[in-house]
C-alpha atoms as a PDB file:
ATOM      1  CA  UNK A   1     -27.088  38.680  11.541  1.00  0.00           C
ATOM      2  CA  UNK A   2     -28.915  35.977   8.738  1.00  0.00           C
ATOM      3  CA  UNK A   3     -29.927  32.918  10.854  1.00  0.00           C
ATOM      4  CA  UNK A   4     -28.383  29.770   9.389  1.00  0.00           C
ATOM      5  CA  UNK A   5     -30.761  26.887  10.045  1.00  0.00           C
ATOM      6  CA  UNK A   6     -31.140  23.246   9.121  1.00  0.00           C
ATOM      7  CA  UNK A   7     -34.459  22.460   7.397  1.00  0.00           C
ATOM      8  CA  UNK A   8     -35.729  19.439   9.873  1.00  0.00           C
ATOM      9  CA  UNK A   9     -39.035  19.695   8.803  1.00  0.00           C
ATOM     10  CA  UNK A  10     -38.482  19.825   5.109  1.00  0.00           C
ATOM     11  CA  UNK A  11     -36.354  16.633   5.376  1.00  0.00           C
ATOM     12  CA  UNK A  12     -39.052  14.878   7.647  1.00  0.00           C
ATOM     13  CA  UNK A  13     -39.970  12.286   5.187  1.00  0.00           C
ATOM     14  CA  UNK A  14     -36.375  11.230   5.230  1.00  0.00           C
ATOM     15  CA  UNK A  15     -36.330  11.296   8.872  1.00  0.00           C
ATOM     16  CA  UNK A  16     -39.251   9.296   9.168  1.00  0.00           C
ATOM     17  CA  UNK A  17     -38.623   6.589   6.741  1.00  0.00           C
ATOM     18  CA  UNK A  18     -35.033   5.699   8.428  1.00  0.00           C
ATOM     19  CA  UNK A  19     -36.740   4.385  11.726  1.00  0.00           C
ATOM     20  CA  UNK A  20     -39.798   2.533   9.597  1.00  0.00           C
ATOM     21  CA  UNK A  21     -37.154   0.941   7.891  1.00  0.00           C
ATOM     22  CA  UNK A  22     -35.712  -0.063  11.249  1.00  0.00           C
ATOM     23  CA  UNK A  23     -38.862  -0.882  12.464  1.00  0.00           C
ATOM     24  CA  UNK A  24     -39.611  -3.718   9.715  1.00  0.00           C
ATOM     25  CA  UNK A  25     -35.893  -5.400   9.792  1.00  0.00           C
ATOM     26  CA  UNK A  26     -36.699  -5.670  13.812  1.00  0.00           C
ATOM     27  CA  UNK A  27     -39.668  -7.308  13.323  1.00  0.00           C
ATOM     28  CA  UNK A  28     -38.196  -9.706  10.732  1.00  0.00           C
ATOM     29  CA  UNK A  29     -35.136  -9.934  12.984  1.00  0.00           C
ATOM     30  CA  UNK A  30     -37.255 -10.946  15.925  1.00  0.00           C
ATOM     31  CA  UNK A  31     -38.933 -14.097  13.935  1.00  0.00           C
ATOM     32  CA  UNK A  32     -35.967 -14.894  12.246  1.00  0.00           C
ATOM     33  CA  UNK A  33     -33.015 -14.507  14.920  1.00  0.00           C
ATOM     34  CA  UNK A  34     -35.571 -15.296  17.402  1.00  0.00           C
ATOM     35  CA  UNK A  35     -35.232 -13.316  20.948  1.00  0.00           C
ATOM     36  CA  UNK A  36     -34.497 -15.205  24.341  1.00  0.00           C
ATOM     37  CA  UNK A  37     -35.787 -13.906  27.173  1.00  0.00           C
ATOM     38  CA  UNK A  38     -33.181 -14.489  30.669  1.00  0.00           C
ATOM     39  CA  UNK A  39     -34.105 -16.718  33.459  1.00  0.00           C
ATOM     40  CA  UNK A  40     -35.041 -13.310  35.350  1.00  0.00           C
ATOM     41  CA  UNK A  41     -38.439 -12.969  33.582  1.00  0.00           C
ATOM     42  CA  UNK A  42     -38.796 -16.702  32.753  1.00  0.00           C
ATOM     43  CA  UNK A  43     -37.279 -18.786  35.679  1.00  0.00           C
ATOM     44  CA  UNK A  44     -34.277 -21.084  35.682  1.00  0.00           C
ATOM     45  CA  UNK A  45     -30.925 -21.714  37.352  1.00  0.00           C
ATOM     46  CA  UNK A  46     -27.823 -19.711  37.877  1.00  0.00           C
ATOM     47  CA  UNK A  47     -24.774 -21.410  38.825  1.00  0.00           C
ATOM     48  CA  UNK A  48     -21.826 -19.110  39.766  1.00  0.00           C
ATOM     49  CA  UNK A  49     -18.506 -20.647  39.712  1.00  0.00           C
ATOM     50  CA  UNK A  50     -14.942 -19.055  40.752  1.00  0.00           C
ATOM     51  CA  UNK A  51     -11.790 -19.927  38.351  1.00  0.00           C
ATOM     52  CA  UNK A  52      -8.184 -19.042  37.796  1.00  0.00           C
ATOM     53  CA  UNK A  53      -6.611 -18.171  34.263  1.00  0.00           C
ATOM     54  CA  UNK A  54      -8.660 -17.652  31.529  1.00  0.00           C
ATOM     55  CA  UNK A  55     -11.583 -19.358  30.622  1.00  0.00           C
ATOM     56  CA  UNK A  56     -13.424 -19.562  27.077  1.00  0.00           C
ATOM     57  CA  UNK A  57     -17.129 -18.633  27.559  1.00  0.00           C
ATOM     58  CA  UNK A  58     -17.841 -20.622  24.408  1.00  0.00           C
ATOM     59  CA  UNK A  59     -16.424 -23.645  25.402  1.00  0.00           C
ATOM     60  CA  UNK A  60     -18.217 -23.640  28.712  1.00  0.00           C
ATOM     61  CA  UNK A  61     -21.224 -23.459  26.996  1.00  0.00           C
ATOM     62  CA  UNK A  62     -20.473 -26.155  24.266  1.00  0.00           C
ATOM     63  CA  UNK A  63     -19.951 -28.555  27.582  1.00  0.00           C
ATOM     64  CA  UNK A  64     -22.823 -27.830  29.460  1.00  0.00           C
ATOM     65  CA  UNK A  65     -25.206 -28.009  26.603  1.00  0.00           C
ATOM     66  CA  UNK A  66     -23.854 -31.141  25.782  1.00  0.00           C
ATOM     67  CA  UNK A  67     -25.488 -32.710  29.257  1.00  0.00           C
ATOM     68  CA  UNK A  68     -28.947 -32.311  27.934  1.00  0.00           C
ATOM     69  CA  UNK A  69     -29.643 -28.913  29.628  1.00  0.00           C
ATOM     70  CA  UNK A  70     -30.600 -26.500  26.746  1.00  0.00           C
ATOM     71  CA  UNK A  71     -29.840 -23.300  25.988  1.00  0.00           C
ATOM     72  CA  UNK A  72     -27.173 -22.312  28.132  1.00  0.00           C
ATOM     73  CA  UNK A  73     -25.827 -18.102  28.791  1.00  0.00           C
ATOM     74  CA  UNK A  74     -22.342 -17.906  30.054  1.00  0.00           C
ATOM     75  CA  UNK A  75     -20.874 -14.989  31.252  1.00  0.00           C
ATOM     76  CA  UNK A  76     -17.620 -13.877  33.236  1.00  0.00           C
ATOM     77  CA  UNK A  77     -17.537 -11.136  35.814  1.00  0.00           C
ATOM     78  CA  UNK A  78     -15.632 -10.845  38.938  1.00  0.00           C
ATOM     79  CA  UNK A  79     -16.814 -10.651  42.844  1.00  0.00           C
ATOM     80  CA  UNK A  80     -17.566  -7.067  44.485  1.00  0.00           C
ATOM     81  CA  UNK A  81     -14.382  -7.074  46.705  1.00  0.00           C
ATOM     82  CA  UNK A  82     -12.303  -8.224  43.557  1.00  0.00           C
ATOM     83  CA  UNK A  83     -10.757 -11.038  45.309  1.00  0.00           C
ATOM     84  CA  UNK A  84     -11.759 -13.822  42.202  1.00  0.00           C
ATOM     85  CA  UNK A  85     -13.078 -13.895  39.079  1.00  0.00           C
ATOM     86  CA  UNK A  86     -16.230 -15.716  38.459  1.00  0.00           C
ATOM     87  CA  UNK A  87     -18.237 -17.367  35.781  1.00  0.00           C
ATOM     88  CA  UNK A  88     -21.982 -17.688  35.730  1.00  0.00           C
ATOM     89  CA  UNK A  89     -23.961 -20.389  33.980  1.00  0.00           C
ATOM     90  CA  UNK A  90     -27.667 -19.865  33.585  1.00  0.00           C
ATOM     91  CA  UNK A  91     -30.013 -21.828  31.760  1.00  0.00           C
ATOM     92  CA  UNK A  92     -33.919 -21.813  31.728  1.00  0.00           C
ATOM     93  CA  UNK A  93     -35.908 -24.498  33.733  1.00  0.00           C
ATOM     94  CA  UNK A  94     -39.053 -24.450  34.807  1.00  0.00           C
ATOM     95  CA  UNK A  95     -38.344 -26.658  38.313  1.00  0.00           C
ATOM     96  CA  UNK A  96     -34.705 -25.881  38.400  1.00  0.00           C
ATOM     97  CA  UNK A  97     -31.860 -28.255  38.832  1.00  0.00           C
ATOM     98  CA  UNK A  98     -31.762 -30.691  41.595  1.00  0.00           C
ATOM     99  CA  UNK A  99     -29.036 -31.193  44.191  1.00  0.00           C
ATOM    100  CA  UNK A 100     -27.794 -34.305  42.128  1.00  0.00           C
ATOM    101  CA  UNK A 101     -27.636 -32.696  38.555  1.00  0.00           C
ATOM    102  CA  UNK A 102     -25.961 -29.335  40.056  1.00  0.00           C
ATOM    103  CA  UNK A 103     -23.420 -31.505  41.658  1.00  0.00           C
ATOM    104  CA  UNK A 104     -23.019 -33.860  38.282  1.00  0.00           C
ATOM    105  CA  UNK A 105     -22.698 -30.702  36.290  1.00  0.00           C
ATOM    106  CA  UNK A 106     -20.038 -29.473  38.508  1.00  0.00           C
ATOM    107  CA  UNK A 107     -17.990 -32.546  38.600  1.00  0.00           C
ATOM    108  CA  UNK A 108     -18.137 -32.432  34.597  1.00  0.00           C
ATOM    109  CA  UNK A 109     -17.016 -28.838  34.446  1.00  0.00           C
ATOM    110  CA  UNK A 110     -14.073 -29.543  36.980  1.00  0.00           C
ATOM    111  CA  UNK A 111     -12.998 -32.659  35.396  1.00  0.00           C
ATOM    112  CA  UNK A 112     -12.859 -30.459  31.782  1.00  0.00           C
ATOM    113  CA  UNK A 113     -11.070 -27.536  32.999  1.00  0.00           C
ATOM    114  CA  UNK A 114      -8.899 -28.924  35.630  1.00  0.00           C
ATOM    115  CA  UNK A 115      -6.203 -26.019  35.306  1.00  0.00           C
ATOM    116  CA  UNK A 116      -8.805 -23.603  35.923  1.00  0.00           C
ATOM    117  CA  UNK A 117      -9.778 -25.035  39.194  1.00  0.00           C
ATOM    118  CA  UNK A 118     -13.651 -24.255  39.091  1.00  0.00           C
ATOM    119  CA  UNK A 119     -15.530 -24.001  42.447  1.00  0.00           C
ATOM    120  CA  UNK A 120     -18.982 -23.314  42.869  1.00  0.00           C
ATOM    121  CA  UNK A 121     -19.294 -20.355  45.114  1.00  0.00           C
ATOM    122  CA  UNK A 122     -23.367 -19.791  44.274  1.00  0.00           C
ATOM    123  CA  UNK A 123     -26.456 -21.622  43.388  1.00  0.00           C
ATOM    124  CA  UNK A 124     -29.777 -19.635  42.638  1.00  0.00           C
ATOM    125  CA  UNK A 125     -33.243 -20.968  41.293  1.00  0.00           C
ATOM    126  CA  UNK A 126     -35.536 -18.068  40.424  1.00  0.00           C
ATOM    127  CA  UNK A 127     -39.344 -19.239  39.966  1.00  0.00           C
ATOM    128  CA  UNK A 128     -41.312 -18.415  36.552  1.00  0.00           C
ATOM    129  CA  UNK A 129     -44.061 -16.623  38.631  1.00  0.00           C
ATOM    130  CA  UNK A 130     -41.442 -14.601  40.284  1.00  0.00           C
ATOM    131  CA  UNK A 131     -39.987 -13.536  37.134  1.00  0.00           C
ATOM    132  CA  UNK A 132     -43.074 -12.926  35.138  1.00  0.00           C
ATOM    133  CA  UNK A 133     -44.094 -10.641  38.325  1.00  0.00           C
ATOM    134  CA  UNK A 134     -41.004  -8.950  37.952  1.00  0.00           C
ATOM    135  CA  UNK A 135     -40.960  -8.260  34.104  1.00  0.00           C
ATOM    136  CA  UNK A 136     -44.740  -6.932  34.738  1.00  0.00           C
ATOM    137  CA  UNK A 137     -43.550  -4.491  37.609  1.00  0.00           C
ATOM    138  CA  UNK A 138     -40.733  -3.417  34.962  1.00  0.00           C
ATOM    139  CA  UNK A 139     -43.761  -2.510  32.637  1.00  0.00           C
ATOM    140  CA  UNK A 140     -45.727  -0.696  34.787  1.00  0.00           C
ATOM    141  CA  UNK A 141     -42.911   1.281  35.854  1.00  0.00           C
ATOM    142  CA  UNK A 142     -42.353   2.407  32.143  1.00  0.00           C
ATOM    143  CA  UNK A 143     -46.057   3.012  31.199  1.00  0.00           C
ATOM    144  CA  UNK A 144     -46.162   5.229  34.775  1.00  0.00           C
ATOM    145  CA  UNK A 145     -43.358   7.535  33.658  1.00  0.00           C
ATOM    146  CA  UNK A 146     -45.127   8.020  30.098  1.00  0.00           C
ATOM    147  CA  UNK A 147     -48.227   9.242  31.978  1.00  0.00           C
ATOM    148  CA  UNK A 148     -46.150  11.319  34.350  1.00  0.00           C
ATOM    149  CA  UNK A 149     -44.142  12.832  31.209  1.00  0.00           C
ATOM    150  CA  UNK A 150     -47.192  13.818  29.292  1.00  0.00           C
ATOM    151  CA  UNK A 151     -48.578  15.515  31.854  1.00  0.00           C
ATOM    152  CA  UNK A 152     -45.402  17.442  32.672  1.00  0.00           C
ATOM    153  CA  UNK A 153     -44.785  18.591  29.355  1.00  0.00           C
ATOM    154  CA  UNK A 154     -48.388  19.412  28.478  1.00  0.00           C
ATOM    155  CA  UNK A 155     -48.621  21.872  31.754  1.00  0.00           C
ATOM    156  CA  UNK A 156     -45.109  23.430  31.247  1.00  0.00           C
ATOM    157  CA  UNK A 157     -45.354  24.165  27.343  1.00  0.00           C
ATOM    158  CA  UNK A 158     -49.125  24.792  27.248  1.00  0.00           C
ATOM    159  CA  UNK A 159     -48.718  28.098  25.509  1.00  0.00           C
ATOM    160  CA  UNK A 160     -47.339  26.361  22.436  1.00  0.00           C
ATOM    161  CA  UNK A 161     -49.745  23.041  22.520  1.00  0.00           C
ATOM    162  CA  UNK A 162     -48.410  21.206  25.669  1.00  0.00           C
ATOM    163  CA  UNK A 163     -50.466  18.178  25.519  1.00  0.00           C
ATOM    164  CA  UNK A 164     -49.813  17.788  21.284  1.00  0.00           C
ATOM    165  CA  UNK A 165     -46.119  18.208  22.424  1.00  0.00           C
ATOM    166  CA  UNK A 166     -46.196  15.951  25.252  1.00  0.00           C
ATOM    167  CA  UNK A 167     -48.007  13.047  23.077  1.00  0.00           C
ATOM    168  CA  UNK A 168     -45.176  13.353  20.431  1.00  0.00           C
ATOM    169  CA  UNK A 169     -42.690  13.374  22.719  1.00  0.00           C
ATOM    170  CA  UNK A 170     -44.114   9.864  23.784  1.00  0.00           C
ATOM    171  CA  UNK A 171     -44.049   9.008  20.319  1.00  0.00           C
ATOM    172  CA  UNK A 172     -40.251   9.600  20.212  1.00  0.00           C
ATOM    173  CA  UNK A 173     -39.901   7.679  23.447  1.00  0.00           C
ATOM    174  CA  UNK A 174     -41.577   4.912  21.859  1.00  0.00           C
ATOM    175  CA  UNK A 175     -38.722   5.355  18.781  1.00  0.00           C
ATOM    176  CA  UNK A 176     -36.477   4.816  21.189  1.00  0.00           C
ATOM    177  CA  UNK A 177     -37.631   1.829  23.195  1.00  0.00           C
ATOM    178  CA  UNK A 178     -38.235  -0.109  19.535  1.00  0.00           C
ATOM    179  CA  UNK A 179     -34.497   0.695  18.879  1.00  0.00           C
ATOM    180  CA  UNK A 180     -33.019  -0.619  21.878  1.00  0.00           C
ATOM    181  CA  UNK A 181     -34.975  -3.617  21.389  1.00  0.00           C
ATOM    182  CA  UNK A 182     -33.474  -3.794  17.672  1.00  0.00           C
ATOM    183  CA  UNK A 183     -29.797  -3.895  19.266  1.00  0.00           C
ATOM    184  CA  UNK A 184     -30.901  -6.881  21.769  1.00  0.00           C
ATOM    185  CA  UNK A 185     -32.282  -8.599  19.216  1.00  0.00           C
ATOM    186  CA  UNK A 186     -29.780  -8.178  16.291  1.00  0.00           C
ATOM    187  CA  UNK A 187     -26.552  -8.485  19.000  1.00  0.00           C
ATOM    188  CA  UNK A 188     -28.163 -11.705  20.299  1.00  0.00           C
ATOM    189  CA  UNK A 189     -28.561 -10.380  23.929  1.00  0.00           C
ATOM    190  CA  UNK A 190     -31.128 -12.025  25.932  1.00  0.00           C
ATOM    191  CA  UNK A 191     -34.135  -9.531  27.461  1.00  0.00           C
ATOM    192  CA  UNK A 192     -32.955  -9.216  30.928  1.00  0.00           C
ATOM    193  CA  UNK A 193     -32.910  -6.490  33.809  1.00  0.00           C
ATOM    194  CA  UNK A 194     -30.181  -4.714  31.690  1.00  0.00           C
ATOM    195  CA  UNK A 195     -32.651  -4.101  29.177  1.00  0.00           C
ATOM    196  CA  UNK A 196     -35.169  -2.555  31.644  1.00  0.00           C
ATOM    197  CA  UNK A 197     -32.015  -0.207  32.962  1.00  0.00           C
ATOM    198  CA  UNK A 198     -30.909   0.804  29.520  1.00  0.00           C
ATOM    199  CA  UNK A 199     -35.137   1.397  28.580  1.00  0.00           C
ATOM    200  CA  UNK A 200     -35.286   3.828  31.740  1.00  0.00           C
ATOM    201  CA  UNK A 201     -31.877   5.607  31.279  1.00  0.00           C
ATOM    202  CA  UNK A 202     -32.217   6.453  27.654  1.00  0.00           C
ATOM    203  CA  UNK A 203     -36.074   7.484  28.347  1.00  0.00           C
ATOM    204  CA  UNK A 204     -34.480   9.896  30.619  1.00  0.00           C
ATOM    205  CA  UNK A 205     -31.835  11.308  28.303  1.00  0.00           C
ATOM    206  CA  UNK A 206     -34.300  11.278  25.576  1.00  0.00           C
ATOM    207  CA  UNK A 207     -37.080  13.319  26.952  1.00  0.00           C
ATOM    208  CA  UNK A 208     -34.542  15.730  28.186  1.00  0.00           C
ATOM    209  CA  UNK A 209     -33.435  16.305  25.073  1.00  0.00           C
ATOM    210  CA  UNK A 210     -36.664  16.728  23.561  1.00  0.00           C
ATOM    211  CA  UNK A 211     -37.675  19.430  26.326  1.00  0.00           C
ATOM    212  CA  UNK A 212     -34.586  21.502  25.505  1.00  0.00           C
ATOM    213  CA  UNK A 213     -35.914  21.724  22.029  1.00  0.00           C
ATOM    214  CA  UNK A 214     -39.645  22.520  23.050  1.00  0.00           C
ATOM    215  CA  UNK A 215     -38.179  25.349  25.573  1.00  0.00           C
ATOM    216  CA  UNK A 216     -36.051  26.917  22.491  1.00  0.00           C
ATOM    217  CA  UNK A 217     -39.382  26.897  20.727  1.00  0.00           C
ATOM    218  CA  UNK A 218     -41.304  28.786  23.544  1.00  0.00           C
ATOM    219  CA  UNK A 219     -38.743  31.256  23.985  1.00  0.00           C
ATOM    220  CA  UNK A 220     -38.220  31.901  20.149  1.00  0.00           C
ATOM    221  CA  UNK A 221     -41.930  32.395  19.869  1.00  0.00           C
ATOM    222  CA  UNK A 222     -42.143  35.088  22.750  1.00  0.00           C
ATOM    223  CA  UNK A 223     -38.951  36.676  20.681  1.00  0.00           C
ATOM    224  CA  UNK A 224     -40.086  36.577  17.336  1.00  0.00           C
ATOM    225  CA  UNK A 225     -43.714  36.522  17.517  1.00  0.00           C
ATOM    226  CA  UNK A 226     -45.570  35.969  14.241  1.00  0.00           C
ATOM    227  CA  UNK A 227     -42.455  37.313  12.135  1.00  0.00           C
ATOM    228  CA  UNK A 228     -41.567  33.629  11.808  1.00  0.00           C
ATOM    229  CA  UNK A 229     -44.037  31.028  10.573  1.00  0.00           C
ATOM    230  CA  UNK A 230     -44.011  27.659  12.582  1.00  0.00           C
ATOM    231  CA  UNK A 231     -41.705  25.522  10.300  1.00  0.00           C
ATOM    232  CA  UNK A 232     -39.178  28.420  10.215  1.00  0.00           C
ATOM    233  CA  UNK A 233     -39.515  28.571  14.216  1.00  0.00           C
ATOM    234  CA  UNK A 234     -39.044  24.654  14.891  1.00  0.00           C
ATOM    235  CA  UNK A 235     -36.049  24.682  12.453  1.00  0.00           C
ATOM    236  CA  UNK A 236     -33.965  27.224  14.120  1.00  0.00           C
ATOM    237  CA  UNK A 237     -34.845  25.823  17.704  1.00  0.00           C
ATOM    238  CA  UNK A 238     -34.177  22.486  17.087  1.00  0.00           C
ATOM    239  CA  UNK A 239     -31.113  23.988  15.073  1.00  0.00           C
ATOM    240  CA  UNK A 240     -29.951  26.047  18.191  1.00  0.00           C
ATOM    241  CA  UNK A 241     -30.143  22.870  20.476  1.00  0.00           C
ATOM    242  CA  UNK A 242     -28.468  20.348  17.876  1.00  0.00           C
ATOM    243  CA  UNK A 243     -24.740  21.578  19.320  1.00  0.00           C
ATOM    244  CA  UNK A 244     -25.689  20.713  22.874  1.00  0.00           C
ATOM    245  CA  UNK A 245     -27.561  17.550  22.137  1.00  0.00           C
ATOM    246  CA  UNK A 246     -24.948  16.358  20.174  1.00  0.00           C
ATOM    247  CA  UNK A 247     -21.843  17.104  22.553  1.00  0.00           C
ATOM    248  CA  UNK A 248     -23.977  15.795  25.357  1.00  0.00           C
ATOM    249  CA  UNK A 249     -24.644  12.325  23.741  1.00  0.00           C
ATOM    250  CA  UNK A 250     -21.018  11.752  22.319  1.00  0.00           C
ATOM    251  CA  UNK A 251     -19.416  12.438  25.262  1.00  0.00           C
ATOM    252  CA  UNK A 252     -21.725   9.854  27.308  1.00  0.00           C
ATOM    253  CA  UNK A 253     -21.642   7.702  24.311  1.00  0.00           C
ATOM    254  CA  UNK A 254     -17.663   7.637  24.616  1.00  0.00           C
ATOM    255  CA  UNK A 255     -17.545   6.895  27.826  1.00  0.00           C
ATOM    256  CA  UNK A 256     -19.700   3.964  27.727  1.00  0.00           C
ATOM    257  CA  UNK A 257     -18.195   2.785  24.776  1.00  0.00           C
ATOM    258  CA  UNK A 258     -14.759   3.054  26.517  1.00  0.00           C
ATOM    259  CA  UNK A 259     -16.378   0.507  29.363  1.00  0.00           C
ATOM    260  CA  UNK A 260     -17.272  -1.902  26.913  1.00  0.00           C
ATOM    261  CA  UNK A 261     -13.608  -1.570  25.145  1.00  0.00           C
ATOM    262  CA  UNK A 262     -12.019  -2.096  28.725  1.00  0.00           C
ATOM    263  CA  UNK A 263     -14.455  -5.046  29.489  1.00  0.00           C
ATOM    264  CA  UNK A 264     -14.106  -6.893  26.292  1.00  0.00           C
ATOM    265  CA  UNK A 265      -9.693  -6.445  26.977  1.00  0.00           C
ATOM    266  CA  UNK A 266     -10.321  -8.043  30.509  1.00  0.00           C
ATOM    267  CA  UNK A 267     -12.827 -10.622  29.624  1.00  0.00           C
ATOM    268  CA  UNK A 268     -15.572  -9.109  31.504  1.00  0.00           C
ATOM    269  CA  UNK A 269     -18.986 -10.176  29.520  1.00  0.00           C
ATOM    270  CA  UNK A 270     -21.442  -9.457  32.328  1.00  0.00           C
ATOM    271  CA  UNK A 271     -21.924  -5.674  31.589  1.00  0.00           C
ATOM    272  CA  UNK A 272     -21.417  -5.756  27.612  1.00  0.00           C
ATOM    273  CA  UNK A 273     -25.694  -6.678  27.520  1.00  0.00           C
ATOM    274  CA  UNK A 274     -25.876  -2.922  29.128  1.00  0.00           C
ATOM    275  CA  UNK A 275     -23.155  -1.062  27.901  1.00  0.00           C
ATOM    276  CA  UNK A 276     -23.460  -1.708  24.108  1.00  0.00           C
ATOM    277  CA  UNK A 277     -27.784  -0.985  24.122  1.00  0.00           C
ATOM    278  CA  UNK A 278     -27.072   1.743  26.151  1.00  0.00           C
ATOM    279  CA  UNK A 279     -24.145   3.638  23.686  1.00  0.00           C
ATOM    280  CA  UNK A 280     -26.651   3.166  20.694  1.00  0.00           C
ATOM    281  CA  UNK A 281     -29.873   4.281  22.761  1.00  0.00           C
ATOM    282  CA  UNK A 282     -27.934   7.347  23.692  1.00  0.00           C
ATOM    283  CA  UNK A 283     -27.659   7.871  19.902  1.00  0.00           C
ATOM    284  CA  UNK A 284     -31.184   7.001  18.787  1.00  0.00           C
ATOM    285  CA  UNK A 285     -32.648   8.937  21.529  1.00  0.00           C
ATOM    286  CA  UNK A 286     -31.011  12.334  20.203  1.00  0.00           C
ATOM    287  CA  UNK A 287     -32.287  11.193  17.006  1.00  0.00           C
ATOM    288  CA  UNK A 288     -35.788  11.035  17.952  1.00  0.00           C
ATOM    289  CA  UNK A 289     -35.746  14.088  19.958  1.00  0.00           C
ATOM    290  CA  UNK A 290     -34.409  16.578  17.148  1.00  0.00           C
ATOM    291  CA  UNK A 291     -35.730  14.698  13.838  1.00  0.00           C
ATOM    292  CA  UNK A 292     -39.103  13.251  14.977  1.00  0.00           C
ATOM    293  CA  UNK A 293     -40.620  14.657  17.963  1.00  0.00           C
ATOM    294  CA  UNK A 294     -40.722  18.317  16.570  1.00  0.00           C
ATOM    295  CA  UNK A 295     -41.224  17.535  12.848  1.00  0.00           C
ATOM    296  CA  UNK A 296     -44.542  15.775  13.900  1.00  0.00           C
ATOM    297  CA  UNK A 297     -45.554  18.185  16.388  1.00  0.00           C
ATOM    298  CA  UNK A 298     -45.151  20.620  13.369  1.00  0.00           C
ATOM    299  CA  UNK A 299     -47.473  18.612  10.887  1.00  0.00           C
ATOM    300  CA  UNK A 300     -49.898  18.164  13.917  1.00  0.00           C
ATOM    301  CA  UNK A 301     -50.017  21.951  15.089  1.00  0.00           C
ATOM    302  CA  UNK A 302     -50.787  22.758  10.759  1.00  0.00           C
ATOM    303  CA  UNK A 303     -53.274  20.530  10.320  1.00  0.00           C
ATOM    304  CA  UNK A 304     -55.029  20.538  13.924  1.00  0.00           C
ATOM    305  CA  UNK A 305     -53.208  23.197  16.182  1.00  0.00           C
ATOM    306  CA  UNK A 306     -54.406  26.678  16.410  1.00  0.00           C
ATOM    307  CA  UNK A 307     -53.278  29.031  14.160  1.00  0.00           C
ATOM    308  CA  UNK A 308     -49.781  30.241  14.649  1.00  0.00           C
ATOM    309  CA  UNK A 309     -50.469  34.030  14.558  1.00  0.00           C
ATOM    310  CA  UNK A 310     -52.779  33.980  17.556  1.00  0.00           C
ATOM    311  CA  UNK A 311     -52.984  36.750  20.294  1.00  0.00           C
ATOM    312  CA  UNK A 312     -49.723  35.397  22.010  1.00  0.00           C
ATOM    313  CA  UNK A 313     -47.846  35.321  18.854  1.00  0.00           C
ATOM    314  CA  UNK A 314     -48.417  38.930  18.067  1.00  0.00           C
ATOM    315  CA  UNK A 315     -47.624  40.035  21.644  1.00  0.00           C
ATOM    316  CA  UNK A 316     -44.361  38.063  21.180  1.00  0.00           C
ATOM    317  CA  UNK A 317     -44.039  39.985  18.302  1.00  0.00           C
ATOM    318  CA  UNK A 318     -44.851  43.426  19.832  1.00  0.00           C
ATOM    319  CA  UNK A 319     -42.264  42.631  22.796  1.00  0.00           C
ATOM    320  CA  UNK A 320     -39.310  41.819  20.476  1.00  0.00           C
ATOM    321  CA  UNK A 321     -39.712  44.736  18.553  1.00  0.00           C
ATOM    322  CA  UNK A 322     -39.922  46.976  21.688  1.00  0.00           C
ATOM    323  CA  UNK A 323     -36.928  45.620  23.045  1.00  0.00           C
ATOM    324  CA  UNK A 324     -34.949  46.084  19.265  1.00  0.00           C
ATOM    325  CA  UNK A 325     -36.499  49.910  19.330  1.00  0.00           C
ATOM    326  CA  UNK A 326     -34.996  49.956  23.030  1.00  0.00           C
ATOM    327  CA  UNK A 327     -31.740  48.602  22.097  1.00  0.00           C
ATOM    328  CA  UNK A 328     -31.277  50.935  19.173  1.00  0.00           C
ATOM    329  CA  UNK A 329     -32.126  54.038  21.401  1.00  0.00           C
ATOM    330  CA  UNK A 330     -29.383  53.036  24.092  1.00  0.00           C
ATOM    331  CA  UNK A 331     -27.041  52.619  20.803  1.00  0.00           C
ATOM    332  CA  UNK A 332     -27.824  56.145  19.669  1.00  0.00           C
ATOM    333  CA  UNK A 333     -27.195  57.475  23.553  1.00  0.00           C
ATOM    334  CA  UNK A 334     -23.664  55.874  23.447  1.00  0.00           C
ATOM    335  CA  UNK A 335     -22.995  57.157  20.353  1.00  0.00           C
ATOM    336  CA  UNK A 336     -23.906  60.842  21.084  1.00  0.00           C
END
């Protein structure tokens, strides 16, 4: 049967231009829109209040900023046991709030929103040094995962140039990180613990899709040998993997988007900075696995890698022909 494949390698320029445009837009957006670091990373104060009825987070934000506390972030949520609704007011501060200032702010909020019966249930100061240490540990975790992934792919796919495959899978992962960062920039989300959680989750999903593609390349190489050139082989392998990757991504993204909708309806905004970047990151991760890692690897192999028609390829071709001949013989016996 004729193999219908998508020419991913032939369209590589388009696939490469799209993330470059996103990268330029992200750099511009960072300087124009700015990016806010959460107090988890740069220190500050978090005040959590219980409330009744419904609250307008924008109105509370304006009230707090009017007291001279600078930029403020206000999110709603609920207690773990579900017995009360909470609103968290957080803002950057190198020294934190004194007890007098906390009391002053609480009195102002209670006076302004009498119907909501605000009550202070938790107060927490975050030291800037601890925040920076936490951020550095997150970066170390990401870099360590990069090294392990490259080593793993290099050993698992050593028969098809595993080290180069690992390096270009790393390029695809860096692409995913940049795209997730772009979502935080253009959505105005602060860089917080949710950012690192999204990054680590997307890396796992993206590298899984990339490994599936490389695995198909290895299997098809053993099956077809040198009867197919490298571009045809990779195009076929990506085409065979695309349905699985898209179905998995759409299923997971749909579940995450559903969470976003439910949270928006219920007025719970605390999880939005995780769910929205997560849904976008799933899409970008699938894109990089299918449209970036493979085409980049082919370009490298064509310029610097070993010739495709090597001994292993010839062995694969002979094995394929032997299997086909055996199948034809068995078919003839059945006909007789």
